[in-house]
């Protein structure tokens, strides 16, 4: 067992952009040998939070998977001379808000759907393993879009209903760079809201029209993130995967396909990369989608 935060790596994929990456360490668990969301839902898959830094100001995109991780993020920024830190939450899920307490004295920004989801799930979050308690809520709420200025850097926040109904994507227009949160994931999306897959498809089509050239997701291959991120083809690969999941109702034989076969075309194109721990994610996705049909 490694101490929380001891395997965190800090990268600079762009000027003024820091990436705080942890996980995907063979044979290592960060929290417990017992099943838990931190190891099984984030650390094993690889997880990355980001910061945009300009002068004495910084904007942190998600507070990572634990308080020790968040403390490292804050110390890294303060050691670099940052004195004014703001936070934006990509959505309400555990591995994106677990470090909020470390930034309790900062402005914490979220869209109105994220604020409501956190409020509605306060008891659930406190009873997770590991627990998120106390739950530090956002203190600046926006609806749909928000424009910010971090030092000399313009930042746009935009709502997207992908993976979770309350997603917030961050755009740096001057770099044509999208921070995707969990709206996009390599190699496959995690199906958190199976009954909203059609909504997710519509918003995948919508974000594909935006003016960007590179994508930094919260879950993806470290080497791709370090090299500047993913190509827009990640959106098409995600769309293809969701469309195929939706075919399960009428083509139940698809449920028996192993992940490499299920996503074979996009693996061949290079839009995504196979990573074995996502086999379990795919099995859970199939189960969630089929269960959703059974409930109708």
C-alpha atoms as a PDB file:
ATOM      1  CA  UNK A   1       0.000   0.000   0.000  1.00  0.00           C
ATOM      2  CA  UNK A   2       1.422   3.396  -0.932  1.00  0.00           C
ATOM      3  CA  UNK A   3       0.664   6.566   1.024  1.00  0.00           C
ATOM      4  CA  UNK A   4      -2.027   8.703  -0.562  1.00  0.00           C
ATOM      5  CA  UNK A   5      -0.407  11.153  -2.938  1.00  0.00           C
ATOM      6  CA  UNK A   6       3.027   9.499  -2.862  1.00  0.00           C
ATOM      7  CA  UNK A   7       2.777   8.407  -6.507  1.00  0.00           C
ATOM      8  CA  UNK A   8       1.312  11.688  -7.815  1.00  0.00           C
ATOM      9  CA  UNK A   9       3.167  13.028 -10.855  1.00  0.00           C
ATOM     10  CA  UNK A  10       3.113  16.677 -11.905  1.00  0.00           C
ATOM     11  CA  UNK A  11       3.394  17.532 -15.605  1.00  0.00           C
ATOM     12  CA  UNK A  12       3.276  20.697 -17.714  1.00  0.00           C
ATOM     13  CA  UNK A  13       1.649  19.745 -21.039  1.00  0.00           C
ATOM     14  CA  UNK A  14       1.318  23.432 -22.029  1.00  0.00           C
ATOM     15  CA  UNK A  15       2.695  26.730 -20.795  1.00  0.00           C
ATOM     16  CA  UNK A  16       0.549  27.805 -17.818  1.00  0.00           C
ATOM     17  CA  UNK A  17      -1.114  24.379 -17.595  1.00  0.00           C
ATOM     18  CA  UNK A  18      -0.241  21.832 -14.889  1.00  0.00           C
ATOM     19  CA  UNK A  19      -1.492  18.236 -14.905  1.00  0.00           C
ATOM     20  CA  UNK A  20      -1.578  16.325 -11.603  1.00  0.00           C
ATOM     21  CA  UNK A  21      -1.684  12.655 -12.583  1.00  0.00           C
ATOM     22  CA  UNK A  22      -1.898   9.618 -10.332  1.00  0.00           C
ATOM     23  CA  UNK A  23      -2.652   5.929 -10.691  1.00  0.00           C
ATOM     24  CA  UNK A  24      -2.006   3.261 -13.312  1.00  0.00           C
ATOM     25  CA  UNK A  25       0.839   1.980 -11.107  1.00  0.00           C
ATOM     26  CA  UNK A  26       1.236  -1.789 -11.455  1.00  0.00           C
ATOM     27  CA  UNK A  27       0.566  -3.690  -8.245  1.00  0.00           C
ATOM     28  CA  UNK A  28      -0.109  -0.576  -6.160  1.00  0.00           C
ATOM     29  CA  UNK A  29      -3.278   0.428  -4.329  1.00  0.00           C
ATOM     30  CA  UNK A  30      -3.475   3.835  -2.707  1.00  0.00           C
ATOM     31  CA  UNK A  31      -6.219   3.486  -0.094  1.00  0.00           C
ATOM     32  CA  UNK A  32      -7.124  -0.101   0.808  1.00  0.00           C
ATOM     33  CA  UNK A  33      -6.899  -3.710  -0.279  1.00  0.00           C
ATOM     34  CA  UNK A  34     -10.672  -3.864   0.161  1.00  0.00           C
ATOM     35  CA  UNK A  35     -12.977  -2.699  -2.659  1.00  0.00           C
ATOM     36  CA  UNK A  36     -13.354   1.088  -2.669  1.00  0.00           C
ATOM     37  CA  UNK A  37     -14.125   3.849  -5.152  1.00  0.00           C
ATOM     38  CA  UNK A  38     -10.704   5.506  -4.897  1.00  0.00           C
ATOM     39  CA  UNK A  39      -8.635   2.492  -5.922  1.00  0.00           C
ATOM     40  CA  UNK A  40     -11.117   0.701  -8.151  1.00  0.00           C
ATOM     41  CA  UNK A  41     -12.861   3.660  -9.754  1.00  0.00           C
ATOM     42  CA  UNK A  42     -10.063   6.190 -10.139  1.00  0.00           C
ATOM     43  CA  UNK A  43      -6.531   5.131  -9.160  1.00  0.00           C
ATOM     44  CA  UNK A  44      -6.472   1.894 -11.149  1.00  0.00           C
ATOM     45  CA  UNK A  45      -7.778   3.700 -14.242  1.00  0.00           C
ATOM     46  CA  UNK A  46      -5.539   6.746 -13.888  1.00  0.00           C
ATOM     47  CA  UNK A  47      -6.860  10.125 -12.762  1.00  0.00           C
ATOM     48  CA  UNK A  48      -5.761  13.671 -13.533  1.00  0.00           C
ATOM     49  CA  UNK A  49      -6.667  17.064 -12.150  1.00  0.00           C
ATOM     50  CA  UNK A  50      -5.449  20.265 -13.779  1.00  0.00           C
ATOM     51  CA  UNK A  51      -4.527  23.836 -12.980  1.00  0.00           C
ATOM     52  CA  UNK A  52      -4.298  26.910 -15.175  1.00  0.00           C
ATOM     53  CA  UNK A  53      -1.680  29.315 -13.800  1.00  0.00           C
ATOM     54  CA  UNK A  54      -1.027  32.915 -14.766  1.00  0.00           C
ATOM     55  CA  UNK A  55       1.041  35.172 -12.550  1.00  0.00           C
ATOM     56  CA  UNK A  56      -0.226  34.991  -8.973  1.00  0.00           C
ATOM     57  CA  UNK A  57      -3.547  33.418 -10.003  1.00  0.00           C
ATOM     58  CA  UNK A  58      -4.573  29.813 -10.622  1.00  0.00           C
ATOM     59  CA  UNK A  59      -7.722  27.912 -11.499  1.00  0.00           C
ATOM     60  CA  UNK A  60      -7.843  24.288 -10.340  1.00  0.00           C
ATOM     61  CA  UNK A  61     -10.012  21.942 -12.421  1.00  0.00           C
ATOM     62  CA  UNK A  62     -11.167  19.304  -9.902  1.00  0.00           C
ATOM     63  CA  UNK A  63      -9.681  18.755  -6.458  1.00  0.00           C
ATOM     64  CA  UNK A  64      -8.596  15.121  -7.032  1.00  0.00           C
ATOM     65  CA  UNK A  65      -9.228  11.905  -5.133  1.00  0.00           C
ATOM     66  CA  UNK A  66      -8.128  12.685  -1.570  1.00  0.00           C
ATOM     67  CA  UNK A  67      -7.142  15.456   0.817  1.00  0.00           C
ATOM     68  CA  UNK A  68      -3.413  14.550   0.540  1.00  0.00           C
ATOM     69  CA  UNK A  69      -3.656  14.869  -3.249  1.00  0.00           C
ATOM     70  CA  UNK A  70      -5.364  18.241  -2.918  1.00  0.00           C
ATOM     71  CA  UNK A  71      -2.706  19.439  -0.461  1.00  0.00           C
ATOM     72  CA  UNK A  72       0.022  18.580  -2.969  1.00  0.00           C
ATOM     73  CA  UNK A  73      -1.838  20.478  -5.690  1.00  0.00           C
ATOM     74  CA  UNK A  74      -2.201  23.544  -3.472  1.00  0.00           C
ATOM     75  CA  UNK A  75       1.409  23.437  -2.245  1.00  0.00           C
ATOM     76  CA  UNK A  76       2.705  23.082  -5.811  1.00  0.00           C
ATOM     77  CA  UNK A  77       0.787  26.184  -6.832  1.00  0.00           C
ATOM     78  CA  UNK A  78       1.752  28.226  -3.783  1.00  0.00           C
ATOM     79  CA  UNK A  79       5.404  27.240  -4.155  1.00  0.00           C
ATOM     80  CA  UNK A  80       5.184  28.608  -7.710  1.00  0.00           C
ATOM     81  CA  UNK A  81       4.061  31.972  -6.332  1.00  0.00           C
ATOM     82  CA  UNK A  82       0.289  31.616  -6.685  1.00  0.00           C
ATOM     83  CA  UNK A  83      -1.637  33.640  -4.104  1.00  0.00           C
ATOM     84  CA  UNK A  84      -5.158  33.582  -5.495  1.00  0.00           C
ATOM     85  CA  UNK A  85      -6.632  30.125  -6.176  1.00  0.00           C
ATOM     86  CA  UNK A  86     -10.032  29.415  -7.613  1.00  0.00           C
ATOM     87  CA  UNK A  87     -11.536  25.964  -8.214  1.00  0.00           C
ATOM     88  CA  UNK A  88     -13.975  24.669 -10.805  1.00  0.00           C
ATOM     89  CA  UNK A  89     -15.704  21.296 -10.401  1.00  0.00           C
ATOM     90  CA  UNK A  90     -16.245  19.243 -13.553  1.00  0.00           C
ATOM     91  CA  UNK A  91     -19.152  17.345 -11.927  1.00  0.00           C
ATOM     92  CA  UNK A  92     -20.291  15.942  -8.597  1.00  0.00           C
ATOM     93  CA  UNK A  93     -18.666  12.482  -8.552  1.00  0.00           C
ATOM     94  CA  UNK A  94     -16.345  11.440  -5.713  1.00  0.00           C
ATOM     95  CA  UNK A  95     -13.015  11.448  -7.538  1.00  0.00           C
ATOM     96  CA  UNK A  96     -13.487  15.067  -8.595  1.00  0.00           C
ATOM     97  CA  UNK A  97     -14.584  16.676  -5.320  1.00  0.00           C
ATOM     98  CA  UNK A  98     -12.770  14.620  -2.649  1.00  0.00           C
ATOM     99  CA  UNK A  99     -10.148  17.325  -2.085  1.00  0.00           C
ATOM    100  CA  UNK A 100     -12.564  20.252  -1.759  1.00  0.00           C
ATOM    101  CA  UNK A 101     -11.877  20.732   1.952  1.00  0.00           C
ATOM    102  CA  UNK A 102      -8.291  21.800   1.187  1.00  0.00           C
ATOM    103  CA  UNK A 103      -9.718  24.666  -0.896  1.00  0.00           C
ATOM    104  CA  UNK A 104     -12.518  25.616   1.507  1.00  0.00           C
ATOM    105  CA  UNK A 105     -11.193  29.185   1.774  1.00  0.00           C
ATOM    106  CA  UNK A 106     -11.187  29.603  -2.013  1.00  0.00           C
ATOM    107  CA  UNK A 107     -13.861  30.384  -4.566  1.00  0.00           C
ATOM    108  CA  UNK A 108     -15.262  27.003  -5.664  1.00  0.00           C
ATOM    109  CA  UNK A 109     -17.208  27.252  -8.913  1.00  0.00           C
ATOM    110  CA  UNK A 110     -19.786  24.759 -10.201  1.00  0.00           C
ATOM    111  CA  UNK A 111     -22.808  24.785 -12.422  1.00  0.00           C
ATOM    112  CA  UNK A 112     -26.220  24.737 -10.776  1.00  0.00           C
ATOM    113  CA  UNK A 113     -26.793  21.052 -11.578  1.00  0.00           C
ATOM    114  CA  UNK A 114     -23.551  20.061  -9.845  1.00  0.00           C
ATOM    115  CA  UNK A 115     -24.462  22.070  -6.763  1.00  0.00           C
ATOM    116  CA  UNK A 116     -27.867  20.383  -6.611  1.00  0.00           C
ATOM    117  CA  UNK A 117     -26.416  16.894  -7.164  1.00  0.00           C
ATOM    118  CA  UNK A 118     -23.896  17.405  -4.373  1.00  0.00           C
ATOM    119  CA  UNK A 119     -26.651  18.602  -2.066  1.00  0.00           C
ATOM    120  CA  UNK A 120     -28.903  15.663  -2.968  1.00  0.00           C
ATOM    121  CA  UNK A 121     -26.075  13.143  -2.470  1.00  0.00           C
ATOM    122  CA  UNK A 122     -24.579  14.546   0.724  1.00  0.00           C
ATOM    123  CA  UNK A 123     -25.469  11.456   2.805  1.00  0.00           C
ATOM    124  CA  UNK A 124     -24.368   9.064   0.059  1.00  0.00           C
ATOM    125  CA  UNK A 125     -20.998  10.812  -0.260  1.00  0.00           C
ATOM    126  CA  UNK A 126     -20.452  10.729   3.504  1.00  0.00           C
ATOM    127  CA  UNK A 127     -21.055   6.971   3.510  1.00  0.00           C
ATOM    128  CA  UNK A 128     -18.801   6.057   0.609  1.00  0.00           C
ATOM    129  CA  UNK A 129     -15.490   4.235   1.109  1.00  0.00           C
ATOM    130  CA  UNK A 130     -13.502   6.405   1.602  1.00  0.00           C
ATOM    131  CA  UNK A 131     -16.047   8.960   2.864  1.00  0.00           C
ATOM    132  CA  UNK A 132     -16.277  12.553   1.686  1.00  0.00           C
ATOM    133  CA  UNK A 133     -17.075  14.351   4.919  1.00  0.00           C
ATOM    134  CA  UNK A 134     -17.305  17.198   5.514  1.00  0.00           C
ATOM    135  CA  UNK A 135     -18.607  17.947   2.035  1.00  0.00           C
ATOM    136  CA  UNK A 136     -17.413  21.389   0.991  1.00  0.00           C
ATOM    137  CA  UNK A 137     -19.966  22.860  -1.377  1.00  0.00           C
ATOM    138  CA  UNK A 138     -19.348  25.228  -4.272  1.00  0.00           C
ATOM    139  CA  UNK A 139     -19.814  28.893  -3.366  1.00  0.00           C
ATOM    140  CA  UNK A 140     -20.167  30.351  -6.867  1.00  0.00           C
ATOM    141  CA  UNK A 141     -22.867  28.884  -9.073  1.00  0.00           C
ATOM    142  CA  UNK A 142     -23.442  29.414 -12.791  1.00  0.00           C
ATOM    143  CA  UNK A 143     -26.002  28.252 -15.326  1.00  0.00           C
ATOM    144  CA  UNK A 144     -24.934  26.838 -18.706  1.00  0.00           C
ATOM    145  CA  UNK A 145     -21.847  29.002 -19.349  1.00  0.00           C
ATOM    146  CA  UNK A 146     -19.382  31.220 -17.515  1.00  0.00           C
ATOM    147  CA  UNK A 147     -16.386  33.230 -18.710  1.00  0.00           C
ATOM    148  CA  UNK A 148     -13.439  33.792 -16.381  1.00  0.00           C
ATOM    149  CA  UNK A 149     -10.081  35.497 -16.518  1.00  0.00           C
ATOM    150  CA  UNK A 150      -7.153  33.887 -14.695  1.00  0.00           C
ATOM    151  CA  UNK A 151      -4.374  36.450 -14.838  1.00  0.00           C
ATOM    152  CA  UNK A 152      -3.831  36.910 -18.578  1.00  0.00           C
ATOM    153  CA  UNK A 153      -5.704  33.722 -19.564  1.00  0.00           C
ATOM    154  CA  UNK A 154      -9.303  33.683 -20.772  1.00  0.00           C
ATOM    155  CA  UNK A 155     -11.281  30.623 -19.640  1.00  0.00           C
ATOM    156  CA  UNK A 156     -14.726  29.427 -20.730  1.00  0.00           C
ATOM    157  CA  UNK A 157     -16.869  26.990 -18.735  1.00  0.00           C
ATOM    158  CA  UNK A 158     -19.649  25.192 -20.601  1.00  0.00           C
ATOM    159  CA  UNK A 159     -22.238  22.700 -19.398  1.00  0.00           C
ATOM    160  CA  UNK A 160     -22.364  19.300 -21.136  1.00  0.00           C
ATOM    161  CA  UNK A 161     -24.746  16.409 -20.448  1.00  0.00           C
ATOM    162  CA  UNK A 162     -22.276  13.564 -21.065  1.00  0.00           C
ATOM    163  CA  UNK A 163     -21.402  10.798 -18.562  1.00  0.00           C
ATOM    164  CA  UNK A 164     -23.156  12.837 -15.884  1.00  0.00           C
ATOM    165  CA  UNK A 165     -26.033  15.262 -16.401  1.00  0.00           C
ATOM    166  CA  UNK A 166     -24.087  18.053 -14.670  1.00  0.00           C
ATOM    167  CA  UNK A 167     -20.796  18.050 -16.572  1.00  0.00           C
ATOM    168  CA  UNK A 168     -18.715  21.214 -16.904  1.00  0.00           C
ATOM    169  CA  UNK A 169     -16.151  21.375 -19.713  1.00  0.00           C
ATOM    170  CA  UNK A 170     -13.392  23.985 -19.541  1.00  0.00           C
ATOM    171  CA  UNK A 171     -12.000  25.649 -22.663  1.00  0.00           C
ATOM    172  CA  UNK A 172      -8.826  27.710 -23.116  1.00  0.00           C
ATOM    173  CA  UNK A 173      -9.611  29.512 -26.385  1.00  0.00           C
ATOM    174  CA  UNK A 174      -6.054  30.791 -26.973  1.00  0.00           C
ATOM    175  CA  UNK A 175      -4.750  27.200 -27.001  1.00  0.00           C
ATOM    176  CA  UNK A 176      -7.874  25.688 -28.589  1.00  0.00           C
ATOM    177  CA  UNK A 177      -7.716  23.282 -25.662  1.00  0.00           C
ATOM    178  CA  UNK A 178     -10.621  21.415 -24.043  1.00  0.00           C
ATOM    179  CA  UNK A 179     -10.529  20.044 -20.507  1.00  0.00           C
ATOM    180  CA  UNK A 180     -13.145  17.321 -20.718  1.00  0.00           C
ATOM    181  CA  UNK A 181     -13.583  16.098 -17.136  1.00  0.00           C
ATOM    182  CA  UNK A 182     -15.312  12.736 -17.481  1.00  0.00           C
ATOM    183  CA  UNK A 183     -17.337  13.661 -20.565  1.00  0.00           C
ATOM    184  CA  UNK A 184     -14.603  11.918 -22.571  1.00  0.00           C
ATOM    185  CA  UNK A 185     -12.469   9.028 -21.350  1.00  0.00           C
ATOM    186  CA  UNK A 186      -9.871   6.757 -22.917  1.00  0.00           C
ATOM    187  CA  UNK A 187     -10.646   4.085 -23.968  1.00  0.00           C
ATOM    188  CA  UNK A 188     -14.357   4.108 -23.029  1.00  0.00           C
ATOM    189  CA  UNK A 189     -16.776   6.257 -21.085  1.00  0.00           C
ATOM    190  CA  UNK A 190     -18.051   5.095 -17.706  1.00  0.00           C
ATOM    191  CA  UNK A 191     -21.844   4.769 -17.854  1.00  0.00           C
ATOM    192  CA  UNK A 192     -23.052   6.537 -14.728  1.00  0.00           C
ATOM    193  CA  UNK A 193     -26.541   7.406 -16.017  1.00  0.00           C
ATOM    194  CA  UNK A 194     -27.644   4.622 -18.394  1.00  0.00           C
ATOM    195  CA  UNK A 195     -31.082   6.104 -19.000  1.00  0.00           C
ATOM    196  CA  UNK A 196     -29.516   9.324 -20.306  1.00  0.00           C
ATOM    197  CA  UNK A 197     -27.360   7.829 -23.046  1.00  0.00           C
ATOM    198  CA  UNK A 198     -29.450   9.418 -25.799  1.00  0.00           C
ATOM    199  CA  UNK A 199     -28.947  12.808 -24.114  1.00  0.00           C
ATOM    200  CA  UNK A 200     -25.223  12.117 -23.949  1.00  0.00           C
ATOM    201  CA  UNK A 201     -25.160  11.360 -27.672  1.00  0.00           C
ATOM    202  CA  UNK A 202     -26.801  14.663 -28.494  1.00  0.00           C
ATOM    203  CA  UNK A 203     -24.265  16.583 -26.446  1.00  0.00           C
ATOM    204  CA  UNK A 204     -21.375  14.620 -27.956  1.00  0.00           C
ATOM    205  CA  UNK A 205     -22.577  15.900 -31.321  1.00  0.00           C
ATOM    206  CA  UNK A 206     -22.807  19.425 -29.902  1.00  0.00           C
ATOM    207  CA  UNK A 207     -19.312  19.587 -28.410  1.00  0.00           C
ATOM    208  CA  UNK A 208     -17.858  18.167 -31.633  1.00  0.00           C
ATOM    209  CA  UNK A 209     -18.772  21.498 -33.282  1.00  0.00           C
ATOM    210  CA  UNK A 210     -16.750  23.578 -30.815  1.00  0.00           C
ATOM    211  CA  UNK A 211     -13.519  25.293 -31.788  1.00  0.00           C
ATOM    212  CA  UNK A 212     -10.744  23.233 -30.189  1.00  0.00           C
ATOM    213  CA  UNK A 213      -7.858  21.051 -31.351  1.00  0.00           C
ATOM    214  CA  UNK A 214      -6.757  19.062 -28.289  1.00  0.00           C
ATOM    215  CA  UNK A 215      -8.512  17.344 -25.392  1.00  0.00           C
ATOM    216  CA  UNK A 216      -7.275  16.759 -21.837  1.00  0.00           C
ATOM    217  CA  UNK A 217      -9.574  14.256 -20.063  1.00  0.00           C
ATOM    218  CA  UNK A 218      -9.501  13.422 -16.353  1.00  0.00           C
ATOM    219  CA  UNK A 219      -9.099   9.711 -17.128  1.00  0.00           C
ATOM    220  CA  UNK A 220      -6.726   8.771 -19.898  1.00  0.00           C
ATOM    221  CA  UNK A 221      -3.220   7.660 -20.766  1.00  0.00           C
ATOM    222  CA  UNK A 222      -0.560   9.657 -18.945  1.00  0.00           C
ATOM    223  CA  UNK A 223       1.781   9.714 -21.941  1.00  0.00           C
ATOM    224  CA  UNK A 224      -0.924  11.207 -24.153  1.00  0.00           C
ATOM    225  CA  UNK A 225      -1.763  13.888 -21.598  1.00  0.00           C
ATOM    226  CA  UNK A 226       1.926  14.776 -21.160  1.00  0.00           C
ATOM    227  CA  UNK A 227       2.286  15.099 -24.942  1.00  0.00           C
ATOM    228  CA  UNK A 228      -0.556  17.618 -25.152  1.00  0.00           C
ATOM    229  CA  UNK A 229      -3.718  15.544 -25.130  1.00  0.00           C
ATOM    230  CA  UNK A 230      -6.059  13.718 -27.441  1.00  0.00           C
ATOM    231  CA  UNK A 231      -7.250  14.525 -30.931  1.00  0.00           C
ATOM    232  CA  UNK A 232     -10.938  15.353 -31.538  1.00  0.00           C
ATOM    233  CA  UNK A 233     -11.381  11.751 -32.711  1.00  0.00           C
ATOM    234  CA  UNK A 234     -11.855  10.855 -29.033  1.00  0.00           C
ATOM    235  CA  UNK A 235     -15.342  12.335 -29.332  1.00  0.00           C
ATOM    236  CA  UNK A 236     -16.201  10.107 -32.285  1.00  0.00           C
ATOM    237  CA  UNK A 237     -14.854   7.047 -30.478  1.00  0.00           C
ATOM    238  CA  UNK A 238     -16.992   7.857 -27.443  1.00  0.00           C
ATOM    239  CA  UNK A 239     -20.008   8.382 -29.653  1.00  0.00           C
ATOM    240  CA  UNK A 240     -19.457   5.027 -31.400  1.00  0.00           C
ATOM    241  CA  UNK A 241     -19.185   3.243 -28.062  1.00  0.00           C
ATOM    242  CA  UNK A 242     -22.388   4.786 -26.699  1.00  0.00           C
ATOM    243  CA  UNK A 243     -24.254   4.010 -29.923  1.00  0.00           C
ATOM    244  CA  UNK A 244     -23.151   0.376 -29.699  1.00  0.00           C
ATOM    245  CA  UNK A 245     -24.287   0.159 -26.079  1.00  0.00           C
ATOM    246  CA  UNK A 246     -27.701   1.400 -27.156  1.00  0.00           C
ATOM    247  CA  UNK A 247     -27.893  -1.455 -29.671  1.00  0.00           C
ATOM    248  CA  UNK A 248     -27.831  -3.987 -26.814  1.00  0.00           C
ATOM    249  CA  UNK A 249     -31.624  -3.919 -26.531  1.00  0.00           C
ATOM    250  CA  UNK A 250     -32.074  -5.348 -30.020  1.00  0.00           C
ATOM    251  CA  UNK A 251     -28.711  -7.097 -30.378  1.00  0.00           C
ATOM    252  CA  UNK A 252     -28.135  -8.854 -27.034  1.00  0.00           C
ATOM    253  CA  UNK A 253     -25.267 -10.872 -28.517  1.00  0.00           C
ATOM    254  CA  UNK A 254     -23.148  -7.717 -28.328  1.00  0.00           C
ATOM    255  CA  UNK A 255     -23.086  -8.163 -24.548  1.00  0.00           C
ATOM    256  CA  UNK A 256     -20.783 -11.158 -24.970  1.00  0.00           C
ATOM    257  CA  UNK A 257     -18.102  -9.268 -26.884  1.00  0.00           C
ATOM    258  CA  UNK A 258     -14.813  -8.573 -25.123  1.00  0.00           C
ATOM    259  CA  UNK A 259     -13.815  -4.920 -24.967  1.00  0.00           C
ATOM    260  CA  UNK A 260     -11.126  -5.050 -27.733  1.00  0.00           C
ATOM    261  CA  UNK A 261     -13.681  -6.464 -30.167  1.00  0.00           C
ATOM    262  CA  UNK A 262     -16.393  -4.046 -29.032  1.00  0.00           C
ATOM    263  CA  UNK A 263     -14.190  -1.011 -29.797  1.00  0.00           C
ATOM    264  CA  UNK A 264     -12.022  -2.558 -32.531  1.00  0.00           C
ATOM    265  CA  UNK A 265     -12.530   0.115 -35.194  1.00  0.00           C
ATOM    266  CA  UNK A 266     -11.521   2.995 -32.932  1.00  0.00           C
ATOM    267  CA  UNK A 267      -8.543   1.069 -31.576  1.00  0.00           C
ATOM    268  CA  UNK A 268      -7.347   0.574 -35.143  1.00  0.00           C
ATOM    269  CA  UNK A 269      -7.783   4.257 -35.937  1.00  0.00           C
ATOM    270  CA  UNK A 270      -5.672   5.252 -32.923  1.00  0.00           C
ATOM    271  CA  UNK A 271      -8.368   7.497 -31.457  1.00  0.00           C
ATOM    272  CA  UNK A 272      -8.254   5.425 -28.251  1.00  0.00           C
ATOM    273  CA  UNK A 273      -5.837   2.982 -26.617  1.00  0.00           C
ATOM    274  CA  UNK A 274      -6.627  -0.339 -24.979  1.00  0.00           C
ATOM    275  CA  UNK A 275      -6.104  -0.472 -21.206  1.00  0.00           C
ATOM    276  CA  UNK A 276      -6.951  -3.754 -19.483  1.00  0.00           C
ATOM    277  CA  UNK A 277      -8.604  -2.355 -16.307  1.00  0.00           C
ATOM    278  CA  UNK A 278     -11.343  -0.942 -18.535  1.00  0.00           C
ATOM    279  CA  UNK A 279     -12.524  -4.504 -19.177  1.00  0.00           C
ATOM    280  CA  UNK A 280     -14.299  -4.288 -15.792  1.00  0.00           C
ATOM    281  CA  UNK A 281     -15.693  -0.852 -16.657  1.00  0.00           C
ATOM    282  CA  UNK A 282     -17.088  -2.214 -19.906  1.00  0.00           C
ATOM    283  CA  UNK A 283     -18.726  -5.181 -18.156  1.00  0.00           C
ATOM    284  CA  UNK A 284     -20.370  -2.824 -15.675  1.00  0.00           C
ATOM    285  CA  UNK A 285     -21.495  -0.551 -18.518  1.00  0.00           C
ATOM    286  CA  UNK A 286     -23.164  -3.445 -20.326  1.00  0.00           C
ATOM    287  CA  UNK A 287     -24.847  -4.562 -17.120  1.00  0.00           C
ATOM    288  CA  UNK A 288     -26.055  -1.022 -16.368  1.00  0.00           C
ATOM    289  CA  UNK A 289     -27.522  -0.539 -19.838  1.00  0.00           C
ATOM    290  CA  UNK A 290     -29.298  -3.907 -19.829  1.00  0.00           C
ATOM    291  CA  UNK A 291     -30.626  -3.276 -16.326  1.00  0.00           C
ATOM    292  CA  UNK A 292     -31.948   0.076 -17.466  1.00  0.00           C
ATOM    293  CA  UNK A 293     -33.916  -1.613 -20.233  1.00  0.00           C
ATOM    294  CA  UNK A 294     -35.278  -4.173 -17.770  1.00  0.00           C
ATOM    295  CA  UNK A 295     -36.590  -1.383 -15.539  1.00  0.00           C
ATOM    296  CA  UNK A 296     -38.640   0.193 -18.308  1.00  0.00           C
END
